[in-house]
PDB file of all heavy atoms in Angstrom:
ATOM      1  N   ALA A   1      29.360  51.045  29.106  1.00  0.00           N
ATOM      2  CA  ALA A   1      30.059  52.268  29.503  1.00  0.00           C
ATOM      3  C   ALA A   1      31.210  52.586  28.560  1.00  0.00           C
ATOM      4  O   ALA A   1      31.572  53.735  28.370  1.00  0.00           O
ATOM      5  CB  ALA A   1      30.577  52.136  30.937  1.00  0.00           C
ATOM      6  N   ALA A   2      31.769  51.558  27.958  1.00  0.00           N
ATOM      7  CA  ALA A   2      32.896  51.758  27.057  1.00  0.00           C
ATOM      8  C   ALA A   2      32.458  52.006  25.621  1.00  0.00           C
ATOM      9  O   ALA A   2      33.292  52.240  24.750  1.00  0.00           O
ATOM     10  CB  ALA A   2      33.816  50.542  27.109  1.00  0.00           C
ATOM     11  N   GLY A   3      31.152  51.965  25.362  1.00  0.00           N
ATOM     12  CA  GLY A   3      30.657  52.210  24.015  1.00  0.00           C
ATOM     13  C   GLY A   3      30.851  51.045  23.073  1.00  0.00           C
ATOM     14  O   GLY A   3      30.927  51.221  21.855  1.00  0.00           O
ATOM     15  N   LEU A   4      30.932  49.814  23.605  1.00  0.00           N
ATOM     16  CA  LEU A   4      31.234  48.652  22.786  1.00  0.00           C
ATOM     17  C   LEU A   4      30.016  47.794  22.482  1.00  0.00           C
ATOM     18  O   LEU A   4      30.116  46.826  21.724  1.00  0.00           O
ATOM     19  CB  LEU A   4      32.302  47.790  23.485  1.00  0.00           C
ATOM     20  CG  LEU A   4      33.620  48.507  23.814  1.00  0.00           C
ATOM     21  CD1 LEU A   4      34.597  47.546  24.457  1.00  0.00           C
ATOM     22  CD2 LEU A   4      34.218  49.135  22.578  1.00  0.00           C
ATOM     23  N   VAL A   5      28.848  48.116  23.056  1.00  0.00           N
ATOM     24  CA  VAL A   5      27.636  47.362  22.757  1.00  0.00           C
ATOM     25  C   VAL A   5      27.189  47.692  21.328  1.00  0.00           C
ATOM     26  O   VAL A   5      27.149  48.853  20.928  1.00  0.00           O
ATOM     27  CB  VAL A   5      26.515  47.706  23.766  1.00  0.00           C
ATOM     28  CG1 VAL A   5      25.219  46.993  23.383  1.00  0.00           C
ATOM     29  CG2 VAL A   5      26.936  47.330  25.174  1.00  0.00           C
ATOM     30  N   ASN A   6      26.875  46.659  20.552  1.00  0.00           N
ATOM     31  CA  ASN A   6      26.466  46.844  19.149  1.00  0.00           C
ATOM     32  C   ASN A   6      27.486  47.673  18.377  1.00  0.00           C
ATOM     33  O   ASN A   6      27.117  48.526  17.563  1.00  0.00           O
ATOM     34  CB  ASN A   6      25.093  47.513  19.076  1.00  0.00           C
ATOM     35  CG  ASN A   6      24.015  46.725  19.787  1.00  0.00           C
ATOM     36  OD1 ASN A   6      23.960  45.495  19.669  1.00  0.00           O
ATOM     37  ND2 ASN A   6      23.153  47.419  20.519  1.00  0.00           N
ATOM     38  N   PHE A   7      28.776  47.409  18.625  1.00  0.00           N
ATOM     39  CA  PHE A   7      29.819  48.227  18.018  1.00  0.00           C
ATOM     40  C   PHE A   7      29.722  48.227  16.499  1.00  0.00           C
ATOM     41  O   PHE A   7      29.748  49.292  15.871  1.00  0.00           O
ATOM     42  CB  PHE A   7      31.207  47.734  18.451  1.00  0.00           C
ATOM     43  CG  PHE A   7      32.331  48.378  17.697  1.00  0.00           C
ATOM     44  CD1 PHE A   7      32.789  49.643  18.041  1.00  0.00           C
ATOM     45  CD2 PHE A   7      32.918  47.741  16.601  1.00  0.00           C
ATOM     46  CE1 PHE A   7      33.809  50.253  17.331  1.00  0.00           C
ATOM     47  CE2 PHE A   7      33.938  48.343  15.891  1.00  0.00           C
ATOM     48  CZ  PHE A   7      34.380  49.602  16.257  1.00  0.00           C
ATOM     49  N   GLU A   8      29.591  47.044  15.891  1.00  0.00           N
ATOM     50  CA  GLU A   8      29.645  46.972  14.426  1.00  0.00           C
ATOM     51  C   GLU A   8      28.362  47.448  13.770  1.00  0.00           C
ATOM     52  O   GLU A   8      28.384  48.245  12.836  1.00  0.00           O
ATOM     53  CB  GLU A   8      29.966  45.550  13.981  1.00  0.00           C
ATOM     54  CG  GLU A   8      30.208  45.437  12.488  1.00  0.00           C
ATOM     55  CD  GLU A   8      30.818  44.112  12.084  1.00  0.00           C
ATOM     56  OE1 GLU A   8      31.752  43.656  12.785  1.00  0.00           O
ATOM     57  OE2 GLU A   8      30.368  43.528  11.082  1.00  0.00           O
ATOM     58  N   GLU A   9      27.213  46.972  14.261  1.00  0.00           N
ATOM     59  CA  GLU A   9      25.945  47.327  13.618  1.00  0.00           C
ATOM     60  C   GLU A   9      25.373  48.647  14.105  1.00  0.00           C
ATOM     61  O   GLU A   9      24.503  49.240  13.458  1.00  0.00           O
ATOM     62  CB  GLU A   9      24.912  46.216  13.822  1.00  0.00           C
ATOM     63  CG  GLU A   9      24.524  45.962  15.270  1.00  0.00           C
ATOM     64  CD  GLU A   9      25.430  44.981  15.980  1.00  0.00           C
ATOM     65  OE1 GLU A   9      26.591  44.811  15.539  1.00  0.00           O
ATOM     66  OE2 GLU A   9      24.988  44.381  16.971  1.00  0.00           O
ATOM     67  N   GLY A  10      25.855  49.149  15.242  1.00  0.00           N
ATOM     68  CA  GLY A  10      25.330  50.388  15.799  1.00  0.00           C
ATOM     69  C   GLY A  10      23.936  50.199  16.378  1.00  0.00           C
ATOM     70  O   GLY A  10      23.398  49.078  16.447  1.00  0.00           O
ATOM     71  N   TYR A  11      23.335  51.314  16.786  1.00  0.00           N
ATOM     72  CA  TYR A  11      21.976  51.262  17.343  1.00  0.00           C
ATOM     73  C   TYR A  11      21.274  52.557  16.966  1.00  0.00           C
ATOM     74  O   TYR A  11      21.103  53.464  17.775  1.00  0.00           O
ATOM     75  CB  TYR A  11      22.016  51.075  18.858  1.00  0.00           C
ATOM     76  CG  TYR A  11      20.655  50.883  19.477  1.00  0.00           C
ATOM     77  CD1 TYR A  11      19.919  49.727  19.227  1.00  0.00           C
ATOM     78  CD2 TYR A  11      20.100  51.859  20.292  1.00  0.00           C
ATOM     79  CE1 TYR A  11      18.664  49.544  19.785  1.00  0.00           C
ATOM     80  CE2 TYR A  11      18.841  51.694  20.859  1.00  0.00           C
ATOM     81  CZ  TYR A  11      18.135  50.525  20.593  1.00  0.00           C
ATOM     82  OH  TYR A  11      16.886  50.357  21.146  1.00  0.00           O
ATOM     83  N   MET A  12      20.851  52.645  15.703  1.00  0.00           N
ATOM     84  CA  MET A  12      20.277  53.880  15.193  1.00  0.00           C
ATOM     85  C   MET A  12      18.907  54.187  15.795  1.00  0.00           C
ATOM     86  O   MET A  12      18.440  55.332  15.741  1.00  0.00           O
ATOM     87  CB  MET A  12      20.190  53.825  13.669  1.00  0.00           C
ATOM     88  CG  MET A  12      21.546  53.875  12.972  1.00  0.00           C
ATOM     89  SD  MET A  12      22.568  55.271  13.512  1.00  0.00           S
ATOM     90  CE  MET A  12      21.570  56.655  12.978  1.00  0.00           C
ATOM     91  N   LYS A  13      18.242  53.179  16.381  1.00  0.00           N
ATOM     92  CA  LYS A  13      16.964  53.448  17.040  1.00  0.00           C
ATOM     93  C   LYS A  13      17.139  54.402  18.219  1.00  0.00           C
ATOM     94  O   LYS A  13      16.216  55.117  18.586  1.00  0.00           O
ATOM     95  CB  LYS A  13      16.331  52.142  17.513  1.00  0.00           C
ATOM     96  CG  LYS A  13      15.814  51.261  16.393  1.00  0.00           C
ATOM     97  CD  LYS A  13      15.142  50.017  16.949  1.00  0.00           C
ATOM     98  CE  LYS A  13      14.576  49.150  15.820  1.00  0.00           C
ATOM     99  NZ  LYS A  13      13.941  47.916  16.349  1.00  0.00           N
ATOM    100  N   GLY A  14      18.323  54.386  18.805  1.00  0.00           N
ATOM    101  CA  GLY A  14      18.591  55.263  19.935  1.00  0.00           C
ATOM    102  C   GLY A  14      19.222  56.579  19.547  1.00  0.00           C
ATOM    103  O   GLY A  14      19.525  57.416  20.398  1.00  0.00           O
ATOM    104  N   PHE A  15      19.435  56.794  18.241  1.00  0.00           N
ATOM    105  CA  PHE A  15      20.092  58.004  17.754  1.00  0.00           C
ATOM    106  C   PHE A  15      19.105  59.167  17.813  1.00  0.00           C
ATOM    107  O   PHE A  15      18.019  59.119  17.227  1.00  0.00           O
ATOM    108  CB  PHE A  15      20.572  57.789  16.319  1.00  0.00           C
ATOM    109  CG  PHE A  15      21.661  58.718  15.889  1.00  0.00           C
ATOM    110  CD1 PHE A  15      22.944  58.610  16.402  1.00  0.00           C
ATOM    111  CD2 PHE A  15      21.425  59.702  14.940  1.00  0.00           C
ATOM    112  CE1 PHE A  15      23.960  59.456  15.988  1.00  0.00           C
ATOM    113  CE2 PHE A  15      22.428  60.549  14.519  1.00  0.00           C
ATOM    114  CZ  PHE A  15      23.702  60.425  15.051  1.00  0.00           C
ATOM    115  N   ASN A  16      19.486  60.231  18.535  1.00  0.00           N
ATOM    116  CA  ASN A  16      18.598  61.375  18.760  1.00  0.00           C
ATOM    117  C   ASN A  16      19.098  62.585  17.970  1.00  0.00           C
ATOM    118  O   ASN A  16      20.183  63.094  18.254  1.00  0.00           O
ATOM    119  CB  ASN A  16      18.536  61.705  20.254  1.00  0.00           C
ATOM    120  CG  ASN A  16      17.517  62.771  20.588  1.00  0.00           C
ATOM    121  OD1 ASN A  16      17.054  63.506  19.716  1.00  0.00           O
ATOM    122  ND2 ASN A  16      17.162  62.875  21.858  1.00  0.00           N
ATOM    123  N   PRO A  17      18.329  63.086  17.005  1.00  0.00           N
ATOM    124  CA  PRO A  17      18.771  64.235  16.198  1.00  0.00           C
ATOM    125  C   PRO A  17      19.009  65.494  17.008  1.00  0.00           C
ATOM    126  O   PRO A  17      19.673  66.410  16.531  1.00  0.00           O
ATOM    127  CB  PRO A  17      17.599  64.441  15.220  1.00  0.00           C
ATOM    128  CG  PRO A  17      16.892  63.134  15.186  1.00  0.00           C
ATOM    129  CD  PRO A  17      17.034  62.570  16.565  1.00  0.00           C
ATOM    130  N   GLU A  18      18.483  65.553  18.225  1.00  0.00           N
ATOM    131  CA  GLU A  18      18.622  66.758  19.039  1.00  0.00           C
ATOM    132  C   GLU A  18      19.782  66.675  20.027  1.00  0.00           C
ATOM    133  O   GLU A  18      19.979  67.585  20.831  1.00  0.00           O
ATOM    134  CB  GLU A  18      17.311  67.024  19.790  1.00  0.00           C
ATOM    135  CG  GLU A  18      16.130  67.285  18.855  1.00  0.00           C
ATOM    136  CD  GLU A  18      14.854  67.584  19.610  1.00  0.00           C
ATOM    137  OE1 GLU A  18      14.884  67.576  20.866  1.00  0.00           O
ATOM    138  OE2 GLU A  18      13.826  67.835  18.963  1.00  0.00           O
ATOM    139  N   VAL A  19      20.535  65.601  19.972  1.00  0.00           N
ATOM    140  CA  VAL A  19      21.683  65.412  20.860  1.00  0.00           C
ATOM    141  C   VAL A  19      22.959  65.572  20.041  1.00  0.00           C
ATOM    142  O   VAL A  19      23.044  65.113  18.898  1.00  0.00           O
ATOM    143  CB  VAL A  19      21.645  64.027  21.536  1.00  0.00           C
ATOM    144  CG1 VAL A  19      22.911  63.783  22.360  1.00  0.00           C
ATOM    145  CG2 VAL A  19      20.404  63.917  22.422  1.00  0.00           C
ATOM    146  N   ALA A  20      23.952  66.229  20.611  1.00  0.00           N
ATOM    147  CA  ALA A  20      25.206  66.486  19.900  1.00  0.00           C
ATOM    148  C   ALA A  20      25.868  65.181  19.468  1.00  0.00           C
ATOM    149  O   ALA A  20      25.784  64.155  20.151  1.00  0.00           O
ATOM    150  CB  ALA A  20      26.158  67.283  20.800  1.00  0.00           C
ATOM    151  N   LEU A  21      26.541  65.226  18.328  1.00  0.00           N
ATOM    152  CA  LEU A  21      27.136  64.034  17.741  1.00  0.00           C
ATOM    153  C   LEU A  21      28.121  63.353  18.679  1.00  0.00           C
ATOM    154  O   LEU A  21      28.107  62.127  18.811  1.00  0.00           O
ATOM    155  CB  LEU A  21      27.834  64.406  16.425  1.00  0.00           C
ATOM    156  CG  LEU A  21      28.589  63.291  15.716  1.00  0.00           C
ATOM    157  CD1 LEU A  21      27.651  62.153  15.331  1.00  0.00           C
ATOM    158  CD2 LEU A  21      29.311  63.833  14.488  1.00  0.00           C
ATOM    159  N   HIS A  22      28.990  64.139  19.325  1.00  0.00           N
ATOM    160  CA  HIS A  22      30.024  63.520  20.152  1.00  0.00           C
ATOM    161  C   HIS A  22      29.461  62.821  21.383  1.00  0.00           C
ATOM    162  O   HIS A  22      30.156  62.055  22.038  1.00  0.00           O
ATOM    163  CB  HIS A  22      31.077  64.550  20.561  1.00  0.00           C
ATOM    164  CG  HIS A  22      30.604  65.547  21.565  1.00  0.00           C
ATOM    165  ND1 HIS A  22      30.016  66.741  21.199  1.00  0.00           N
ATOM    166  CD2 HIS A  22      30.619  65.543  22.917  1.00  0.00           C
ATOM    167  CE1 HIS A  22      29.698  67.426  22.284  1.00  0.00           C
ATOM    168  NE2 HIS A  22      30.056  66.723  23.333  1.00  0.00           N
ATOM    169  N   GLU A  23      28.181  63.056  21.697  1.00  0.00           N
ATOM    170  CA  GLU A  23      27.544  62.387  22.823  1.00  0.00           C
ATOM    171  C   GLU A  23      26.989  61.021  22.442  1.00  0.00           C
ATOM    172  O   GLU A  23      26.690  60.212  23.311  1.00  0.00           O
ATOM    173  CB  GLU A  23      26.401  63.262  23.362  1.00  0.00           C
ATOM    174  CG  GLU A  23      26.840  64.548  24.026  1.00  0.00           C
ATOM    175  CD  GLU A  23      27.496  64.287  25.374  1.00  0.00           C
ATOM    176  OE1 GLU A  23      26.869  63.666  26.242  1.00  0.00           O
ATOM    177  OE2 GLU A  23      28.659  64.705  25.542  1.00  0.00           O
ATOM    178  N   GLN A  24      26.832  60.743  21.141  1.00  0.00           N
ATOM    179  CA  GLN A  24      26.154  59.507  20.740  1.00  0.00           C
ATOM    180  C   GLN A  24      26.758  58.876  19.488  1.00  0.00           C
ATOM    181  O   GLN A  24      26.140  58.009  18.863  1.00  0.00           O
ATOM    182  CB  GLN A  24      24.675  59.795  20.486  1.00  0.00           C
ATOM    183  CG  GLN A  24      24.432  60.921  19.483  1.00  0.00           C
ATOM    184  CD  GLN A  24      22.959  61.153  19.211  1.00  0.00           C
ATOM    185  OE1 GLN A  24      22.086  60.364  19.597  1.00  0.00           O
ATOM    186  NE2 GLN A  24      22.655  62.246  18.532  1.00  0.00           N
ATOM    187  N   ALA A  25      27.966  59.271  19.122  1.00  0.00           N
ATOM    188  CA  ALA A  25      28.583  58.729  17.912  1.00  0.00           C
ATOM    189  C   ALA A  25      28.793  57.225  18.009  1.00  0.00           C
ATOM    190  O   ALA A  25      28.847  56.537  16.982  1.00  0.00           O
ATOM    191  CB  ALA A  25      29.911  59.434  17.633  1.00  0.00           C
ATOM    192  N   ASP A  26      28.909  56.684  19.226  1.00  0.00           N
ATOM    193  CA  ASP A  26      29.092  55.242  19.373  1.00  0.00           C
ATOM    194  C   ASP A  26      27.870  54.447  18.909  1.00  0.00           C
ATOM    195  O   ASP A  26      27.955  53.235  18.699  1.00  0.00           O
ATOM    196  CB  ASP A  26      29.428  54.886  20.819  1.00  0.00           C
ATOM    197  CG  ASP A  26      28.438  55.454  21.815  1.00  0.00           C
ATOM    198  OD1 ASP A  26      27.932  56.568  21.582  1.00  0.00           O
ATOM    199  OD2 ASP A  26      28.158  54.796  22.833  1.00  0.00           O
ATOM    200  N   LEU A  27      26.716  55.124  18.711  1.00  0.00           N
ATOM    201  CA  LEU A  27      25.518  54.459  18.210  1.00  0.00           C
ATOM    202  C   LEU A  27      25.552  54.266  16.698  1.00  0.00           C
ATOM    203  O   LEU A  27      24.732  53.526  16.138  1.00  0.00           O
ATOM    204  CB  LEU A  27      24.265  55.264  18.584  1.00  0.00           C
ATOM    205  CG  LEU A  27      24.018  55.492  20.079  1.00  0.00           C
ATOM    206  CD1 LEU A  27      22.775  56.355  20.282  1.00  0.00           C
ATOM    207  CD2 LEU A  27      23.873  54.166  20.808  1.00  0.00           C
ATOM    208  N   LEU A  28      26.465  54.936  16.013  1.00  0.00           N
ATOM    209  CA  LEU A  28      26.591  54.806  14.566  1.00  0.00           C
ATOM    210  C   LEU A  28      27.197  53.450  14.201  1.00  0.00           C
ATOM    211  O   LEU A  28      27.994  52.893  14.956  1.00  0.00           O
ATOM    212  CB  LEU A  28      27.476  55.919  14.010  1.00  0.00           C
ATOM    213  CG  LEU A  28      26.944  57.347  14.126  1.00  0.00           C
ATOM    214  CD1 LEU A  28      28.049  58.344  13.795  1.00  0.00           C
ATOM    215  CD2 LEU A  28      25.736  57.557  13.218  1.00  0.00           C
ATOM    216  N   PRO A  29      26.847  52.911  13.043  1.00  0.00           N
ATOM    217  CA  PRO A  29      27.430  51.621  12.632  1.00  0.00           C
ATOM    218  C   PRO A  29      28.894  51.768  12.229  1.00  0.00           C
ATOM    219  O   PRO A  29      29.328  52.834  11.804  1.00  0.00           O
ATOM    220  CB  PRO A  29      26.565  51.211  11.433  1.00  0.00           C
ATOM    221  CG  PRO A  29      26.024  52.495  10.895  1.00  0.00           C
ATOM    222  CD  PRO A  29      25.830  53.394  12.077  1.00  0.00           C
ATOM    223  N   TYR A  30      29.631  50.689  12.364  1.00  0.00           N
ATOM    224  CA  TYR A  30      31.035  50.640  11.938  1.00  0.00           C
ATOM    225  C   TYR A  30      31.094  50.166  10.492  1.00  0.00           C
ATOM    226  O   TYR A  30      30.385  49.237  10.098  1.00  0.00           O
ATOM    227  CB  TYR A  30      31.818  49.680  12.837  1.00  0.00           C
ATOM    228  CG  TYR A  30      33.239  49.430  12.394  1.00  0.00           C
ATOM    229  CD1 TYR A  30      34.172  50.459  12.385  1.00  0.00           C
ATOM    230  CD2 TYR A  30      33.649  48.156  11.983  1.00  0.00           C
ATOM    231  CE1 TYR A  30      35.480  50.229  11.986  1.00  0.00           C
ATOM    232  CE2 TYR A  30      34.954  47.921  11.584  1.00  0.00           C
ATOM    233  CZ  TYR A  30      35.865  48.960  11.584  1.00  0.00           C
ATOM    234  OH  TYR A  30      37.156  48.734  11.184  1.00  0.00           O
ATOM    235  N   ASP A  31      31.895  50.816   9.678  1.00  0.00           N
ATOM    236  CA  ASP A  31      32.071  50.441   8.276  1.00  0.00           C
ATOM    237  C   ASP A  31      33.229  49.459   8.178  1.00  0.00           C
ATOM    238  O   ASP A  31      34.390  49.827   8.355  1.00  0.00           O
ATOM    239  CB  ASP A  31      32.350  51.688   7.439  1.00  0.00           C
ATOM    240  CG  ASP A  31      32.379  51.409   5.946  1.00  0.00           C
ATOM    241  OD1 ASP A  31      32.487  50.223   5.568  1.00  0.00           O
ATOM    242  OD2 ASP A  31      32.301  52.366   5.157  1.00  0.00           O
ATOM    243  N   THR A  32      32.916  48.183   7.889  1.00  0.00           N
ATOM    244  CA  THR A  32      33.946  47.141   7.893  1.00  0.00           C
ATOM    245  C   THR A  32      34.965  47.303   6.765  1.00  0.00           C
ATOM    246  O   THR A  32      36.001  46.630   6.770  1.00  0.00           O
ATOM    247  CB  THR A  32      33.290  45.754   7.786  1.00  0.00           C
ATOM    248  OG1 THR A  32      32.449  45.718   6.624  1.00  0.00           O
ATOM    249  CG2 THR A  32      32.446  45.458   9.017  1.00  0.00           C
ATOM    250  N   ASP A  33      34.683  48.180   5.806  1.00  0.00           N
ATOM    251  CA  ASP A  33      35.683  48.441   4.760  1.00  0.00           C
ATOM    252  C   ASP A  33      36.951  49.052   5.336  1.00  0.00           C
ATOM    253  O   ASP A  33      38.014  49.011   4.699  1.00  0.00           O
ATOM    254  CB  ASP A  33      35.115  49.374   3.691  1.00  0.00           C
ATOM    255  CG  ASP A  33      34.198  48.657   2.717  1.00  0.00           C
ATOM    256  OD1 ASP A  33      34.239  47.414   2.690  1.00  0.00           O
ATOM    257  OD2 ASP A  33      33.443  49.331   2.005  1.00  0.00           O
ATOM    258  N   TYR A  34      36.840  49.633   6.517  1.00  0.00           N
ATOM    259  CA  TYR A  34      38.009  50.242   7.148  1.00  0.00           C
ATOM    260  C   TYR A  34      38.817  49.244   7.965  1.00  0.00           C
ATOM    261  O   TYR A  34      39.896  49.587   8.462  1.00  0.00           O
ATOM    262  CB  TYR A  34      37.579  51.405   8.049  1.00  0.00           C
ATOM    263  CG  TYR A  34      37.246  52.662   7.285  1.00  0.00           C
ATOM    264  CD1 TYR A  34      35.927  52.954   6.944  1.00  0.00           C
ATOM    265  CD2 TYR A  34      38.242  53.549   6.899  1.00  0.00           C
ATOM    266  CE1 TYR A  34      35.619  54.118   6.234  1.00  0.00           C
ATOM    267  CE2 TYR A  34      37.950  54.698   6.188  1.00  0.00           C
ATOM    268  CZ  TYR A  34      36.626  54.972   5.858  1.00  0.00           C
ATOM    269  OH  TYR A  34      36.323  56.106   5.145  1.00  0.00           O
ATOM    270  N   GLU A  35      38.318  48.022   8.135  1.00  0.00           N
ATOM    271  CA  GLU A  35      39.038  47.033   8.948  1.00  0.00           C
ATOM    272  C   GLU A  35      40.364  46.683   8.282  1.00  0.00           C
ATOM    273  O   GLU A  35      40.434  46.417   7.074  1.00  0.00           O
ATOM    274  CB  GLU A  35      38.187  45.781   9.135  1.00  0.00           C
ATOM    275  CG  GLU A  35      38.745  44.810  10.147  1.00  0.00           C
ATOM    276  CD  GLU A  35      38.796  45.388  11.562  1.00  0.00           C
ATOM    277  OE1 GLU A  35      37.965  46.267  11.883  1.00  0.00           O
ATOM    278  OE2 GLU A  35      39.668  44.948  12.350  1.00  0.00           O
ATOM    279  N   PHE A  36      41.426  46.676   9.086  1.00  0.00           N
ATOM    280  CA  PHE A  36      42.769  46.425   8.567  1.00  0.00           C
ATOM    281  C   PHE A  36      43.460  45.393   9.446  1.00  0.00           C
ATOM    282  O   PHE A  36      43.378  45.463  10.683  1.00  0.00           O
ATOM    283  CB  PHE A  36      43.573  47.730   8.549  1.00  0.00           C
ATOM    284  CG  PHE A  36      44.877  47.622   7.819  1.00  0.00           C
ATOM    285  CD1 PHE A  36      44.911  47.608   6.432  1.00  0.00           C
ATOM    286  CD2 PHE A  36      46.078  47.531   8.514  1.00  0.00           C
ATOM    287  CE1 PHE A  36      46.118  47.519   5.744  1.00  0.00           C
ATOM    288  CE2 PHE A  36      47.282  47.432   7.840  1.00  0.00           C
ATOM    289  CZ  PHE A  36      47.301  47.417   6.448  1.00  0.00           C
ATOM    290  N   PRO A  37      44.151  44.415   8.854  1.00  0.00           N
ATOM    291  CA  PRO A  37      44.801  43.363   9.641  1.00  0.00           C
ATOM    292  C   PRO A  37      45.953  43.898  10.489  1.00  0.00           C
ATOM    293  O   PRO A  37      46.838  44.591   9.973  1.00  0.00           O
ATOM    294  CB  PRO A  37      45.321  42.388   8.570  1.00  0.00           C
ATOM    295  CG  PRO A  37      44.565  42.717   7.326  1.00  0.00           C
ATOM    296  CD  PRO A  37      44.272  44.181   7.407  1.00  0.00           C
ATOM    297  N   LYS A  38      45.934  43.567  11.739  1.00  0.00           N
ATOM    298  CA  LYS A  38      46.964  44.037  12.662  1.00  0.00           C
ATOM    299  C   LYS A  38      48.354  43.556  12.240  1.00  0.00           C
ATOM    300  O   LYS A  38      49.355  44.262  12.419  1.00  0.00           O
ATOM    301  CB  LYS A  38      46.643  43.548  14.081  1.00  0.00           C
ATOM    302  CG  LYS A  38      47.642  43.963  15.131  1.00  0.00           C
ATOM    303  CD  LYS A  38      47.254  43.416  16.496  1.00  0.00           C
ATOM    304  CE  LYS A  38      48.281  43.769  17.557  1.00  0.00           C
ATOM    305  NZ  LYS A  38      47.908  43.205  18.885  1.00  0.00           N
ATOM    306  N   GLU A  39      48.417  42.346  11.673  1.00  0.00           N
ATOM    307  CA  GLU A  39      49.712  41.771  11.323  1.00  0.00           C
ATOM    308  C   GLU A  39      50.389  42.516  10.173  1.00  0.00           C
ATOM    309  O   GLU A  39      51.578  42.291   9.905  1.00  0.00           O
ATOM    310  CB  GLU A  39      49.566  40.285  10.972  1.00  0.00           C
ATOM    311  CG  GLU A  39      48.592  40.001   9.843  1.00  0.00           C
ATOM    312  CD  GLU A  39      47.166  39.758  10.335  1.00  0.00           C
ATOM    313  OE1 GLU A  39      46.852  40.169  11.479  1.00  0.00           O
ATOM    314  OE2 GLU A  39      46.381  39.178   9.569  1.00  0.00           O
ATOM    315  N   ARG A  40      49.664  43.388   9.490  1.00  0.00           N
ATOM    316  CA  ARG A  40      50.269  44.175   8.407  1.00  0.00           C
ATOM    317  C   ARG A  40      50.703  45.563   8.875  1.00  0.00           C
ATOM    318  O   ARG A  40      50.978  46.440   8.068  1.00  0.00           O
ATOM    319  CB  ARG A  40      49.282  44.281   7.236  1.00  0.00           C
ATOM    320  CG  ARG A  40      49.275  43.017   6.404  1.00  0.00           C
ATOM    321  CD  ARG A  40      48.105  42.862   5.466  1.00  0.00           C
ATOM    322  NE  ARG A  40      47.755  44.058   4.722  1.00  0.00           N
ATOM    323  CZ  ARG A  40      46.622  44.146   4.008  1.00  0.00           C
ATOM    324  NH1 ARG A  40      45.777  43.125   3.963  1.00  0.00           N
ATOM    325  NH2 ARG A  40      46.340  45.245   3.353  1.00  0.00           N
ATOM    326  N   ILE A  41      50.752  45.753  10.183  1.00  0.00           N
ATOM    327  CA  ILE A  41      51.242  47.009  10.760  1.00  0.00           C
ATOM    328  C   ILE A  41      52.564  46.742  11.474  1.00  0.00           C
ATOM    329  O   ILE A  41      52.647  45.862  12.327  1.00  0.00           O
ATOM    330  CB  ILE A  41      50.237  47.601  11.764  1.00  0.00           C
ATOM    331  CG1 ILE A  41      48.880  47.824  11.105  1.00  0.00           C
ATOM    332  CG2 ILE A  41      50.769  48.918  12.330  1.00  0.00           C
ATOM    333  CD1 ILE A  41      47.804  48.289  12.075  1.00  0.00           C
ATOM    334  N   GLU A  42      53.567  47.515  11.117  1.00  0.00           N
ATOM    335  CA  GLU A  42      54.867  47.412  11.779  1.00  0.00           C
ATOM    336  C   GLU A  42      55.150  48.725  12.498  1.00  0.00           C
ATOM    337  O   GLU A  42      55.324  49.763  11.866  1.00  0.00           O
ATOM    338  CB  GLU A  42      55.968  47.116  10.765  1.00  0.00           C
ATOM    339  CG  GLU A  42      57.340  46.939  11.399  1.00  0.00           C
ATOM    340  CD  GLU A  42      58.405  46.601  10.370  1.00  0.00           C
ATOM    341  OE1 GLU A  42      58.051  46.245   9.233  1.00  0.00           O
ATOM    342  OE2 GLU A  42      59.606  46.714  10.715  1.00  0.00           O
ATOM    343  N   PHE A  43      55.180  48.665  13.818  1.00  0.00           N
ATOM    344  CA  PHE A  43      55.357  49.873  14.622  1.00  0.00           C
ATOM    345  C   PHE A  43      56.834  50.239  14.719  1.00  0.00           C
ATOM    346  O   PHE A  43      57.702  49.379  14.797  1.00  0.00           O
ATOM    347  CB  PHE A  43      54.777  49.667  16.026  1.00  0.00           C
ATOM    348  CG  PHE A  43      53.294  49.429  16.027  1.00  0.00           C
ATOM    349  CD1 PHE A  43      52.779  48.139  16.077  1.00  0.00           C
ATOM    350  CD2 PHE A  43      52.408  50.490  15.958  1.00  0.00           C
ATOM    351  CE1 PHE A  43      51.417  47.916  16.066  1.00  0.00           C
ATOM    352  CE2 PHE A  43      51.041  50.283  15.944  1.00  0.00           C
ATOM    353  CZ  PHE A  43      50.545  48.983  15.992  1.00  0.00           C
TER     354      PHE A  43
END
């Protein structure tokens, strides 16, 4: 329900070209190049 299943690899088998992007964007894979260490963030 939270969209966290297969978060990193995604699930493109379930991706439907006829369904709006915002309804199924959680099925897209995560690009690990964007991962950033939390300890390097100062709020």
